[in-house]
Each structure stands twice: as C-alpha cells, then as structure tokens.
C-alpha atoms as a PDB file:
ATOM      1  CA  MET A   1       0.000   0.000   0.000  1.00  0.00           C
ATOM      2  CA  LEU A   2       2.878   2.341   0.845  1.00  0.00           C
ATOM      3  CA  ASP A   3       4.299   1.865  -2.670  1.00  0.00           C
ATOM      4  CA  ASN A   4       0.951   2.770  -4.213  1.00  0.00           C
ATOM      5  CA  PHE A   5       0.671   5.986  -2.206  1.00  0.00           C
ATOM      6  CA  LEU A   6       4.243   6.805  -3.193  1.00  0.00           C
ATOM      7  CA  THR A   7       3.065   6.399  -6.802  1.00  0.00           C
ATOM      8  CA  LEU A   8       0.183   8.786  -6.080  1.00  0.00           C
ATOM      9  CA  PHE A   9       2.684  11.310  -4.665  1.00  0.00           C
ATOM     10  CA  LEU A  10       4.916  10.944  -7.721  1.00  0.00           C
ATOM     11  CA  ILE A  11       1.894  11.554  -9.971  1.00  0.00           C
ATOM     12  CA  LEU A  12       0.276  14.444  -8.122  1.00  0.00           C
ATOM     13  CA  THR A  13       3.482  16.353  -7.337  1.00  0.00           C
ATOM     14  CA  PRO A  14       4.452  17.111 -10.966  1.00  0.00           C
ATOM     15  CA  LEU A  15       0.765  17.762 -11.765  1.00  0.00           C
ATOM     16  CA  VAL A  16       0.538  20.415  -9.029  1.00  0.00           C
ATOM     17  CA  VAL A  17       3.969  21.824  -9.869  1.00  0.00           C
ATOM     18  CA  GLY A  18       2.895  22.134 -13.495  1.00  0.00           C
ATOM     19  CA  PHE A  19      -0.006  24.364 -12.476  1.00  0.00           C
ATOM     20  CA  PHE A  20       2.421  26.905 -11.023  1.00  0.00           C
ATOM     21  CA  VAL A  21       5.095  26.923 -13.738  1.00  0.00           C
ATOM     22  CA  PRO A  22       5.244  30.529 -15.042  1.00  0.00           C
ATOM     23  CA  LEU A  23       5.335  29.739 -18.736  1.00  0.00           C
ATOM     24  CA  PRO A  24       4.757  32.519 -21.315  1.00  0.00           C
ATOM     25  CA  LYS A  25       1.740  31.799 -23.516  1.00  0.00           C
ATOM     26  CA  LYS A  26       3.848  31.743 -26.683  1.00  0.00           C
ATOM     27  CA  TYR A  27       5.492  28.533 -25.471  1.00  0.00           C
ATOM     28  CA  VAL A  28       2.241  26.682 -24.708  1.00  0.00           C
ATOM     29  CA  PRO A  29       1.957  25.214 -28.254  1.00  0.00           C
ATOM     30  CA  TYR A  30       5.389  23.649 -27.757  1.00  0.00           C
ATOM     31  CA  ILE A  31       4.118  21.961 -24.586  1.00  0.00           C
ATOM     32  CA  ASP A  32       1.298  20.396 -26.595  1.00  0.00           C
ATOM     33  CA  VAL A  33       3.797  19.157 -29.191  1.00  0.00           C
ATOM     34  CA  CYS A  34       6.009  17.689 -26.458  1.00  0.00           C
ATOM     35  CA  LEU A  35       2.992  15.970 -24.905  1.00  0.00           C
ATOM     36  CA  GLY A  36       2.233  14.225 -28.169  1.00  0.00           C
ATOM     37  CA  LYS A  37       5.835  13.118 -28.674  1.00  0.00           C
ATOM     38  CA  ILE A  38       6.456  11.867 -25.142  1.00  0.00           C
ATOM     39  CA  VAL A  39       3.314   9.723 -25.277  1.00  0.00           C
ATOM     40  CA  PHE A  40       4.798   7.895 -28.273  1.00  0.00           C
ATOM     41  CA  VAL A  41       8.071   7.365 -26.386  1.00  0.00           C
ATOM     42  CA  ILE A  42       6.273   6.015 -23.298  1.00  0.00           C
ATOM     43  CA  LEU A  43       4.248   3.613 -25.406  1.00  0.00           C
ATOM     44  CA  PHE A  44       7.434   2.400 -27.093  1.00  0.00           C
ATOM     45  CA  PHE A  45       8.998   1.661 -23.703  1.00  0.00           C
ATOM     46  CA  ILE A  46       5.812  -0.038 -22.522  1.00  0.00           C
ATOM     47  CA  GLY A  47       6.194  -2.272 -25.589  1.00  0.00           C
ATOM     48  CA  LEU A  48       9.796  -2.985 -24.544  1.00  0.00           C
ATOM     49  CA  SER A  49       8.572  -3.908 -21.068  1.00  0.00           C
ATOM     50  CA  LEU A  50       5.919  -6.232 -22.503  1.00  0.00           C
ATOM     51  CA  SER A  51       8.545  -8.023 -24.571  1.00  0.00           C
ATOM     52  CA  GLN A  52      10.298  -9.085 -21.362  1.00  0.00           C
ATOM     53  CA  VAL A  53       7.269 -10.933 -20.008  1.00  0.00           C
ATOM     54  CA  GLN A  54       7.721 -14.692 -20.044  1.00  0.00           C
ATOM     55  CA  ASN A  55       5.193 -16.573 -22.189  1.00  0.00           C
ATOM     56  CA  LEU A  56       3.366 -13.388 -23.181  1.00  0.00           C
ATOM     57  CA  GLY A  57       2.170 -15.092 -26.372  1.00  0.00           C
ATOM     58  CA  SER A  58       0.191 -17.591 -24.341  1.00  0.00           C
ATOM     59  CA  GLN A  59      -1.494 -14.677 -22.535  1.00  0.00           C
ATOM     60  CA  VAL A  60      -2.705 -12.879 -25.676  1.00  0.00           C
ATOM     61  CA  GLY A  61      -6.101 -14.587 -25.674  1.00  0.00           C
ATOM     62  CA  PHE A  62      -6.550 -13.767 -21.986  1.00  0.00           C
ATOM     63  CA  ILE A  63      -5.612 -10.117 -22.576  1.00  0.00           C
ATOM     64  CA  LEU A  64      -7.870  -9.672 -25.605  1.00  0.00           C
ATOM     65  CA  SER A  65     -10.903 -11.319 -24.009  1.00  0.00           C
ATOM     66  CA  ASN A  66     -10.577  -9.144 -20.913  1.00  0.00           C
ATOM     67  CA  VAL A  67     -10.009  -5.987 -22.952  1.00  0.00           C
ATOM     68  CA  LEU A  68     -13.183  -6.709 -24.924  1.00  0.00           C
ATOM     69  CA  LEU A  69     -15.276  -7.359 -21.802  1.00  0.00           C
ATOM     70  CA  LEU A  70     -13.847  -4.369 -19.940  1.00  0.00           C
ATOM     71  CA  ALA A  71     -14.365  -2.043 -22.927  1.00  0.00           C
ATOM     72  CA  VAL A  72     -17.960  -3.146 -23.491  1.00  0.00           C
ATOM     73  CA  LEU A  73     -18.803  -2.662 -19.812  1.00  0.00           C
ATOM     74  CA  SER A  74     -16.947   0.611 -19.143  1.00  0.00           C
ATOM     75  CA  MET A  75     -17.715   2.405 -22.404  1.00  0.00           C
ATOM     76  CA  GLY A  76     -21.229   0.985 -22.499  1.00  0.00           C
ATOM     77  CA  ALA A  77     -21.981   2.212 -18.972  1.00  0.00           C
ATOM     78  CA  GLY A  78     -20.728   5.710 -19.733  1.00  0.00           C
ATOM     79  CA  LEU A  79     -22.580   5.886 -23.039  1.00  0.00           C
ATOM     80  CA  LEU A  80     -25.901   4.634 -21.659  1.00  0.00           C
ATOM     81  CA  SER A  81     -25.865   6.890 -18.605  1.00  0.00           C
ATOM     82  CA  LEU A  82     -24.947  10.022 -20.557  1.00  0.00           C
ATOM     83  CA  TRP A  83     -27.421   9.117 -23.317  1.00  0.00           C
ATOM     84  CA  TRP A  84     -30.121   9.006 -20.612  1.00  0.00           C
ATOM     85  CA  PHE A  85     -28.855  12.401 -19.367  1.00  0.00           C
ATOM     86  CA  ASP A  86     -29.086  13.849 -22.885  1.00  0.00           C
ATOM     87  CA  LYS A  87     -32.610  12.484 -23.315  1.00  0.00           C
ATOM     88  CA  GLN A  88     -33.891  13.681 -19.939  1.00  0.00           C
ATOM     89  CA  TYR A  89     -32.058  17.016 -19.916  1.00  0.00           C
ATOM     90  CA  PRO A  90     -31.326  18.030 -23.533  1.00  0.00           C
ATOM     91  CA  TYR A  91     -28.429  20.379 -24.137  1.00  0.00           C
ATOM     92  CA  GLU A  92     -29.777  23.777 -25.164  1.00  0.00           C
ATOM     93  CA  ARG A  93     -27.948  24.713 -28.319  1.00  0.00           C
ATOM     94  CA  GLN A  94     -27.622  28.377 -29.179  1.00  0.00           C
ATOM     95  CA  ILE A  95     -26.356  27.633 -32.672  1.00  0.00           C
ATOM     96  CA  GLN A  96     -27.288  24.687 -34.861  1.00  0.00           C
ATOM     97  CA  HIS A  97     -23.964  23.430 -36.117  1.00  0.00           C
ATOM     98  CA  GLY A  98     -23.851  21.541 -39.371  1.00  0.00           C
ATOM     99  CA  ASP A  99     -23.040  17.846 -39.536  1.00  0.00           C
ATOM    100  CA  ASN A 100     -19.347  17.267 -40.169  1.00  0.00           C
ATOM    101  CA  THR A 101     -18.744  13.526 -40.016  1.00  0.00           C
ATOM    102  CA  ALA A 102     -16.586  13.274 -43.093  1.00  0.00           C
ATOM    103  CA  ASN A 103     -13.270  14.236 -41.526  1.00  0.00           C
ATOM    104  CA  ILE A 104     -12.688  11.239 -39.298  1.00  0.00           C
ATOM    105  CA  SER A 105      -9.122  10.131 -38.693  1.00  0.00           C
ATOM    106  CA  VAL A 106      -7.939   7.134 -36.716  1.00  0.00           C
ATOM    107  CA  THR A 107      -4.314   7.620 -37.703  1.00  0.00           C
ATOM    108  CA  GLY A 108      -3.287   8.902 -34.270  1.00  0.00           C
ATOM    109  CA  SER A 109      -4.651   5.875 -32.446  1.00  0.00           C
ATOM    110  CA  ALA A 110      -3.110   3.530 -34.996  1.00  0.00           C
ATOM    111  CA  VAL A 111       0.298   5.184 -34.553  1.00  0.00           C
ATOM    112  CA  GLN A 112       0.045   4.846 -30.767  1.00  0.00           C
ATOM    113  CA  LEU A 113      -0.731   1.145 -31.050  1.00  0.00           C
ATOM    114  CA  GLY A 114       2.127   0.873 -33.540  1.00  0.00           C
ATOM    115  CA  CYS A 115       4.531   2.339 -30.955  1.00  0.00           C
ATOM    116  CA  VAL A 116       3.647  -0.455 -28.510  1.00  0.00           C
ATOM    117  CA  VAL A 117       4.111  -3.103 -31.201  1.00  0.00           C
ATOM    118  CA  LEU A 118       7.406  -1.560 -32.330  1.00  0.00           C
ATOM    119  CA  GLY A 119       8.690  -1.586 -28.760  1.00  0.00           C
ATOM    120  CA  MET A 120       7.778  -5.245 -28.422  1.00  0.00           C
ATOM    121  CA  LEU A 121       9.555  -6.124 -31.660  1.00  0.00           C
ATOM    122  CA  VAL A 122      12.706  -4.245 -30.615  1.00  0.00           C
ATOM    123  CA  GLY A 123      12.559  -5.913 -27.216  1.00  0.00           C
ATOM    124  CA  TYR A 124      12.416  -9.361 -28.803  1.00  0.00           C
ATOM    125  CA  ALA A 125      15.271  -8.539 -31.197  1.00  0.00           C
ATOM    126  CA  VAL A 126      17.680  -6.781 -28.830  1.00  0.00           C
ATOM    127  CA  PRO A 127      18.961  -8.187 -25.498  1.00  0.00           C
ATOM    128  CA  LEU A 128      17.896  -5.756 -22.771  1.00  0.00           C
ATOM    129  CA  GLN A 129      19.018  -7.578 -19.637  1.00  0.00           C
ATOM    130  CA  ASN A 130      22.254  -5.580 -19.203  1.00  0.00           C
ATOM    131  CA  LEU A 131      20.864  -2.075 -19.539  1.00  0.00           C
ATOM    132  CA  PRO A 132      22.340   0.389 -16.986  1.00  0.00           C
ATOM    133  CA  ILE A 133      18.834   1.429 -15.929  1.00  0.00           C
ATOM    134  CA  GLY A 134      15.649  -0.627 -15.808  1.00  0.00           C
ATOM    135  CA  ILE A 135      12.903  -0.115 -18.376  1.00  0.00           C
ATOM    136  CA  ASP A 136      10.310   0.391 -15.634  1.00  0.00           C
ATOM    137  CA  SER A 137      12.430   3.178 -14.119  1.00  0.00           C
ATOM    138  CA  VAL A 138      12.649   4.893 -17.491  1.00  0.00           C
ATOM    139  CA  ILE A 139       8.874   4.608 -17.930  1.00  0.00           C
ATOM    140  CA  LYS A 140       8.208   6.128 -14.501  1.00  0.00           C
ATOM    141  CA  GLY A 141      10.609   8.984 -15.213  1.00  0.00           C
ATOM    142  CA  LEU A 142       8.932   9.705 -18.542  1.00  0.00           C
ATOM    143  CA  LEU A 143       5.527   9.481 -16.876  1.00  0.00           C
ATOM    144  CA  MET A 144       6.508  12.175 -14.351  1.00  0.00           C
ATOM    145  CA  VAL A 145       7.609  14.431 -17.211  1.00  0.00           C
ATOM    146  CA  LEU A 146       4.315  13.715 -18.973  1.00  0.00           C
ATOM    147  CA  ILE A 147       2.296  14.576 -15.847  1.00  0.00           C
ATOM    148  CA  LEU A 148       4.280  17.799 -15.414  1.00  0.00           C
ATOM    149  CA  LEU A 149       3.490  18.803 -19.001  1.00  0.00           C
ATOM    150  CA  VAL A 150      -0.182  17.922 -18.457  1.00  0.00           C
ATOM    151  CA  GLY A 151      -0.226  20.199 -15.407  1.00  0.00           C
ATOM    152  CA  ILE A 152       1.307  23.042 -17.423  1.00  0.00           C
ATOM    153  CA  SER A 153      -1.144  22.439 -20.252  1.00  0.00           C
ATOM    154  CA  LEU A 154      -4.140  22.428 -17.890  1.00  0.00           C
ATOM    155  CA  SER A 155      -3.014  25.624 -16.195  1.00  0.00           C
ATOM    156  CA  HIS A 156      -2.790  27.382 -19.578  1.00  0.00           C
ATOM    157  CA  ALA A 157      -6.018  25.946 -20.981  1.00  0.00           C
ATOM    158  CA  GLY A 158      -7.885  29.180 -20.317  1.00  0.00           C
ATOM    159  CA  MET A 159     -10.066  27.501 -17.673  1.00  0.00           C
ATOM    160  CA  THR A 160     -10.028  28.641 -14.054  1.00  0.00           C
ATOM    161  CA  LEU A 161     -11.295  26.356 -11.295  1.00  0.00           C
ATOM    162  CA  LYS A 162     -14.317  28.638 -10.960  1.00  0.00           C
ATOM    163  CA  GLN A 163     -15.110  28.263 -14.666  1.00  0.00           C
ATOM    164  CA  VAL A 164     -14.821  24.486 -14.426  1.00  0.00           C
ATOM    165  CA  LEU A 165     -17.077  24.168 -11.396  1.00  0.00           C
ATOM    166  CA  ILE A 166     -19.559  26.807 -12.538  1.00  0.00           C
ATOM    167  CA  ASN A 167     -20.237  24.797 -15.700  1.00  0.00           C
ATOM    168  CA  LYS A 168     -23.148  22.956 -14.123  1.00  0.00           C
ATOM    169  CA  ARG A 169     -23.605  20.491 -16.974  1.00  0.00           C
ATOM    170  CA  GLY A 170     -19.913  19.633 -17.054  1.00  0.00           C
ATOM    171  CA  VAL A 171     -19.944  18.830 -13.332  1.00  0.00           C
ATOM    172  CA  GLN A 172     -23.164  16.810 -13.665  1.00  0.00           C
ATOM    173  CA  MET A 173     -21.672  14.839 -16.557  1.00  0.00           C
ATOM    174  CA  SER A 174     -18.530  14.112 -14.538  1.00  0.00           C
ATOM    175  CA  VAL A 175     -20.534  12.734 -11.597  1.00  0.00           C
ATOM    176  CA  ILE A 176     -22.767  10.597 -13.841  1.00  0.00           C
ATOM    177  CA  PHE A 177     -19.749   9.342 -15.777  1.00  0.00           C
ATOM    178  CA  PHE A 178     -17.791   8.496 -12.634  1.00  0.00           C
ATOM    179  CA  VAL A 179     -20.666   6.633 -10.969  1.00  0.00           C
ATOM    180  CA  SER A 180     -21.706   4.647 -14.058  1.00  0.00           C
ATOM    181  CA  VAL A 181     -18.169   3.675 -15.089  1.00  0.00           C
ATOM    182  CA  SER A 182     -17.355   2.700 -11.497  1.00  0.00           C
ATOM    183  CA  LEU A 183     -20.401   0.424 -11.464  1.00  0.00           C
ATOM    184  CA  SER A 184     -19.081  -1.194 -14.638  1.00  0.00           C
ATOM    185  CA  GLY A 185     -15.830  -1.898 -12.802  1.00  0.00           C
ATOM    186  CA  VAL A 186     -17.769  -3.603 -10.014  1.00  0.00           C
ATOM    187  CA  LEU A 187     -19.686  -5.655 -12.585  1.00  0.00           C
ATOM    188  CA  PHE A 188     -16.414  -6.635 -14.290  1.00  0.00           C
ATOM    189  CA  ALA A 189     -15.109  -7.892 -10.949  1.00  0.00           C
ATOM    190  CA  LEU A 190     -18.291  -9.865 -10.292  1.00  0.00           C
ATOM    191  CA  LEU A 191     -18.018 -11.524 -13.698  1.00  0.00           C
ATOM    192  CA  LYS A 192     -14.327 -12.409 -13.224  1.00  0.00           C
ATOM    193  CA  SER A 193     -13.568 -14.735 -10.327  1.00  0.00           C
ATOM    194  CA  ASP A 194      -9.890 -13.704 -10.331  1.00  0.00           C
ATOM    195  CA  VAL A 195     -10.617  -9.955 -10.035  1.00  0.00           C
ATOM    196  CA  GLY A 196     -11.495  -8.174  -6.797  1.00  0.00           C
ATOM    197  CA  ILE A 197     -13.895  -5.225  -6.554  1.00  0.00           C
ATOM    198  CA  MET A 198     -11.114  -2.703  -5.960  1.00  0.00           C
ATOM    199  CA  GLN A 199      -9.124  -4.061  -8.896  1.00  0.00           C
ATOM    200  CA  GLY A 200     -12.197  -3.758 -11.107  1.00  0.00           C
ATOM    201  CA  LEU A 201     -12.644  -0.149  -9.992  1.00  0.00           C
ATOM    202  CA  ALA A 202      -8.967   0.604 -10.625  1.00  0.00           C
ATOM    203  CA  MET A 203      -9.089  -0.996 -14.084  1.00  0.00           C
ATOM    204  CA  VAL A 204     -11.916   1.270 -15.303  1.00  0.00           C
ATOM    205  CA  SER A 205     -10.573   4.505 -13.781  1.00  0.00           C
ATOM    206  CA  GLY A 206      -8.115   5.299 -16.572  1.00  0.00           C
ATOM    207  CA  TYR A 207     -10.920   6.927 -18.589  1.00  0.00           C
ATOM    208  CA  GLY A 208      -8.733   6.805 -21.705  1.00  0.00           C
ATOM    209  CA  TRP A 209      -5.445   7.801 -20.052  1.00  0.00           C
ATOM    210  CA  TYR A 210      -3.616   4.745 -21.400  1.00  0.00           C
ATOM    211  CA  SER A 211      -0.055   5.921 -20.724  1.00  0.00           C
ATOM    212  CA  LEU A 212      -0.911   6.278 -17.034  1.00  0.00           C
ATOM    213  CA  SER A 213      -3.228   3.301 -16.563  1.00  0.00           C
ATOM    214  CA  GLY A 214      -0.774   0.914 -18.208  1.00  0.00           C
ATOM    215  CA  ILE A 215       1.909   1.868 -15.685  1.00  0.00           C
ATOM    216  CA  VAL A 216      -0.226   2.138 -12.517  1.00  0.00           C
ATOM    217  CA  ILE A 217      -2.091  -1.122 -13.144  1.00  0.00           C
ATOM    218  CA  THR A 218       1.144  -2.925 -14.046  1.00  0.00           C
ATOM    219  CA  ASP A 219       2.696  -1.803 -10.752  1.00  0.00           C
ATOM    220  CA  ALA A 220      -0.344  -2.980  -8.824  1.00  0.00           C
ATOM    221  CA  TYR A 221      -1.405  -6.186 -10.593  1.00  0.00           C
ATOM    222  CA  GLY A 222       1.334  -7.179 -13.032  1.00  0.00           C
ATOM    223  CA  VAL A 223       2.077  -6.592 -16.682  1.00  0.00           C
ATOM    224  CA  VAL A 224      -0.734  -8.764 -18.053  1.00  0.00           C
ATOM    225  CA  TRP A 225      -3.438  -6.741 -16.286  1.00  0.00           C
ATOM    226  CA  GLY A 226      -1.476  -3.578 -17.095  1.00  0.00           C
ATOM    227  CA  SER A 227      -1.751  -4.540 -20.759  1.00  0.00           C
ATOM    228  CA  VAL A 228      -5.509  -5.026 -20.376  1.00  0.00           C
ATOM    229  CA  ALA A 229      -5.849  -1.516 -18.911  1.00  0.00           C
ATOM    230  CA  LEU A 230      -3.591  -0.003 -21.572  1.00  0.00           C
ATOM    231  CA  PHE A 231      -5.430  -1.503 -24.532  1.00  0.00           C
ATOM    232  CA  ASN A 232      -8.831  -0.816 -22.977  1.00  0.00           C
ATOM    233  CA  ASP A 233      -8.001   2.884 -22.726  1.00  0.00           C
ATOM    234  CA  LEU A 234      -6.440   2.945 -26.196  1.00  0.00           C
ATOM    235  CA  LEU A 235      -9.653   1.422 -27.505  1.00  0.00           C
ATOM    236  CA  ARG A 236     -11.679   4.189 -25.819  1.00  0.00           C
ATOM    237  CA  GLU A 237      -9.681   6.794 -27.707  1.00  0.00           C
ATOM    238  CA  PHE A 238     -10.059   4.864 -30.961  1.00  0.00           C
ATOM    239  CA  MET A 239     -13.843   4.588 -30.516  1.00  0.00           C
ATOM    240  CA  ALA A 240     -14.113   8.257 -29.543  1.00  0.00           C
ATOM    241  CA  VAL A 241     -12.395   9.370 -32.735  1.00  0.00           C
ATOM    242  CA  ILE A 242     -14.832   7.317 -34.804  1.00  0.00           C
ATOM    243  CA  PHE A 243     -18.130   7.962 -33.031  1.00  0.00           C
ATOM    244  CA  ILE A 244     -17.950  11.506 -31.602  1.00  0.00           C
ATOM    245  CA  PRO A 245     -18.869  13.139 -34.950  1.00  0.00           C
ATOM    246  CA  PHE A 246     -21.888  10.858 -35.330  1.00  0.00           C
ATOM    247  CA  LEU A 247     -23.183  11.353 -31.780  1.00  0.00           C
ATOM    248  CA  ILE A 248     -22.475  14.982 -31.011  1.00  0.00           C
ATOM    249  CA  LYS A 249     -25.279  16.578 -33.012  1.00  0.00           C
ATOM    250  CA  ARG A 250     -28.116  14.806 -31.139  1.00  0.00           C
ATOM    251  CA  TYR A 251     -26.350  13.661 -27.974  1.00  0.00           C
ATOM    252  CA  PRO A 252     -23.549  16.128 -27.164  1.00  0.00           C
ATOM    253  CA  SER A 253     -22.994  14.984 -23.559  1.00  0.00           C
ATOM    254  CA  THR A 254     -22.770  11.364 -24.695  1.00  0.00           C
ATOM    255  CA  ALA A 255     -20.256  12.252 -27.390  1.00  0.00           C
ATOM    256  CA  VAL A 256     -18.071  14.311 -25.063  1.00  0.00           C
ATOM    257  CA  GLY A 257     -18.173  11.630 -22.344  1.00  0.00           C
ATOM    258  CA  LEU A 258     -16.988   8.967 -24.761  1.00  0.00           C
ATOM    259  CA  GLY A 259     -13.654  10.773 -25.025  1.00  0.00           C
ATOM    260  CA  GLY A 260     -12.948  10.589 -21.269  1.00  0.00           C
ATOM    261  CA  VAL A 261      -9.703  12.365 -20.393  1.00  0.00           C
ATOM    262  CA  THR A 262      -8.924  13.035 -24.059  1.00  0.00           C
ATOM    263  CA  THR A 263     -11.652  15.688 -24.351  1.00  0.00           C
ATOM    264  CA  MET A 264      -9.098  18.306 -23.322  1.00  0.00           C
ATOM    265  CA  ASP A 265      -6.504  17.343 -25.904  1.00  0.00           C
ATOM    266  CA  PHE A 266      -6.640  14.543 -28.485  1.00  0.00           C
ATOM    267  CA  THR A 267     -10.384  14.562 -29.222  1.00  0.00           C
ATOM    268  CA  LEU A 268     -11.012  18.282 -28.558  1.00  0.00           C
ATOM    269  CA  PRO A 269     -10.433  19.284 -32.224  1.00  0.00           C
ATOM    270  CA  ILE A 270     -12.934  16.601 -33.284  1.00  0.00           C
ATOM    271  CA  ILE A 271     -15.465  17.852 -30.737  1.00  0.00           C
ATOM    272  CA  GLN A 272     -14.993  21.451 -31.909  1.00  0.00           C
ATOM    273  CA  SER A 273     -15.169  20.722 -35.632  1.00  0.00           C
ATOM    274  CA  SER A 274     -18.197  18.446 -35.430  1.00  0.00           C
ATOM    275  CA  GLY A 275     -20.072  20.101 -32.545  1.00  0.00           C
ATOM    276  CA  GLY A 276     -19.162  23.749 -32.831  1.00  0.00           C
ATOM    277  CA  ASN A 277     -17.411  26.204 -30.510  1.00  0.00           C
ATOM    278  CA  GLU A 278     -20.323  26.217 -28.050  1.00  0.00           C
ATOM    279  CA  ILE A 279     -19.534  22.605 -27.066  1.00  0.00           C
ATOM    280  CA  VAL A 280     -15.889  23.379 -26.233  1.00  0.00           C
ATOM    281  CA  PRO A 281     -16.479  24.809 -22.704  1.00  0.00           C
ATOM    282  CA  LEU A 282     -18.521  21.720 -21.826  1.00  0.00           C
ATOM    283  CA  ALA A 283     -15.759  19.435 -23.096  1.00  0.00           C
ATOM    284  CA  MET A 284     -13.095  21.444 -21.261  1.00  0.00           C
ATOM    285  CA  SER A 285     -14.998  21.376 -17.965  1.00  0.00           C
ATOM    286  CA  PHE A 286     -15.700  17.641 -18.164  1.00  0.00           C
ATOM    287  CA  GLY A 287     -12.169  16.844 -19.345  1.00  0.00           C
ATOM    288  CA  PHE A 288     -10.543  18.971 -16.649  1.00  0.00           C
ATOM    289  CA  ILE A 289     -12.405  17.223 -13.830  1.00  0.00           C
ATOM    290  CA  ILE A 290     -11.821  13.737 -15.247  1.00  0.00           C
ATOM    291  CA  ASN A 291      -8.104  14.463 -15.776  1.00  0.00           C
ATOM    292  CA  ILE A 292      -7.763  15.407 -12.109  1.00  0.00           C
ATOM    293  CA  ILE A 293      -9.671  12.479 -10.584  1.00  0.00           C
ATOM    294  CA  SER A 294      -8.392   9.688 -12.848  1.00  0.00           C
ATOM    295  CA  PRO A 295      -4.870   9.255 -11.396  1.00  0.00           C
ATOM    296  CA  VAL A 296      -6.156   9.632  -7.835  1.00  0.00           C
ATOM    297  CA  LEU A 297      -8.846   6.990  -8.286  1.00  0.00           C
ATOM    298  CA  MET A 298      -6.529   4.503 -10.007  1.00  0.00           C
ATOM    299  CA  VAL A 299      -3.922   4.656  -7.276  1.00  0.00           C
ATOM    300  CA  VAL A 300      -6.386   4.726  -4.356  1.00  0.00           C
ATOM    301  CA  PHE A 301      -8.449   1.793  -5.687  1.00  0.00           C
ATOM    302  CA  SER A 302      -5.349  -0.272  -6.520  1.00  0.00           C
ATOM    303  CA  SER A 303      -3.971   0.414  -3.023  1.00  0.00           C
ATOM    304  CA  PHE A 304      -6.857  -1.505  -1.484  1.00  0.00           C
ATOM    305  CA  GLY A 305      -7.047  -4.171  -4.189  1.00  0.00           C
END
C-alpha cells in the first residue's frame, strides 16, 4: 500500500507543480507538441517492457478477451448513462452546427498502437538484460515528465477552477460518468472470479489515459493486467475518434463523455469541428475534472485491491 501511495505522490506532485510553472503563452503550443511526442516514447517503452514478459504469447487470448469485456462494460456504462442524461435534460444549443462527419481520422490511435508493437519487436530482437537502468524506471521517469506537461497544459487551458465548477452540466456529466463507469468496474469484478472489486474499480478509472493506466495497473497487478488496462483505454480513444462526430449533433454529452480524459486534448479538435465552438467549454470542464480524478482513483483503488 505504501508503494501505491508513493506512486500517487509521484503523480500528483508534478501535476501540481505544473499548475504553477510561469510559462509565457507563446510557449504553450510547444508543450502540446512535447505531450504528443512523449506519449509515443512512453508507449514504445511499454512495448519494450511487454517483450520481457515470459510466455506473453500464451497470454494474448486472456488479454484480448478481458479488454473486450472491460471495454464493453466501461464504455457501455458511460454511453448509456450520458445518453439518458441527454434524453432527460437536452443540451440547449444556441447555434445549430452543421453535420461534419466526413473528416474522421484514426491515424493517431493507430500510430500509438504501432509504438507499442514496435517496442515489443525491438525488445524481442535486442537483449535488454544488461541495460544500466531498468525499463520500468525509465517509464516512470517519462511518466513524471508527462504529468508535469499535463499540469502546465491544464493551467494554460484558459479555464479557471471557478469556470470548471460553474459549468453545471460539465460537473453533472462528470458525476454521472464516474458513478456509471465505477459500477461497470464492479460488474467486471463480479463476472471475473480472479478480479477483486477494488481491482475492477482501478481498471476502469483510466478513462482513456492509457499511458498512465498501463503503468499504474502494471505496478499494482502485473504486466498482463497492465496490458488489459492499456489496450482498454487505447480502444476508448479509438472509438471516440470514430463515433464523436456521429453522436455529437443529437447527444452532445454522450459524445463528449466517450472521449474521457482526451476531451481536453486529443479529441477536442474533433469535438470542436463536429459540434461547434459552443460545445468546447462543456468538453473542457468535463475533461478537466476527469483528468484530475483519474490518477487519484486509479492509485487509491489499486492500493486496497
């Protein structure tokens, strides 16, 4: 448990520090570029780490079956609950934005998956046993840099805490999303005899933050379950890229919720282009809250699992 709370400290410290870094606005775009690049590097090293697992090939079926079940439950719970929210409390649009479903790209998600595969291939081809520093240590170091950059990015996102919390619908969405996805984690645990309730809750709390969930869940439950969490969250991003443009016109809260933590970065341009500028504050509020609670929930749940 002490190790898990140390992980929480190592995650939250750079996040908080990032909020107070006095960075001129002209450099903020470079932070976003660095965020994108470092994610690729982390995924490559995660692939290297996976290549060192004994008999990983025999675990592929186990990983894929659990990823499929976890994705259906966690994404399905979020979609159904926010769809109900949209139906019961429709979002009042000020401007009717035209349908823009043509420009759908899954290249980013494919490249991210490719980084994991490339890392695995390099790991199988090159002996890594005599490296001066362990792969896991490198991954944790890169993760701290990533979290620091996320903190800087959030602090320069143009959203104050007051603006986040005053967006009533964004807060309501976050609560509904958290409760429904958490229930899916409990259901996952009930369906899997080898998974405890707290582990189920930890597994679904990545909300699309694959670079973090892969590391935290690996530390807590081993690399096989870490792989399940990683690919589950990668799949969320992949599905968000595809389905947000189709959902956002009639069910904006549902569409935004599908993106999870990515609504503040990777899927935000898709939300803006297909839903209009009026949806952006909602996405920013929801994404901000989910970005803050995700690492806390993963570490706390895994500490008691």
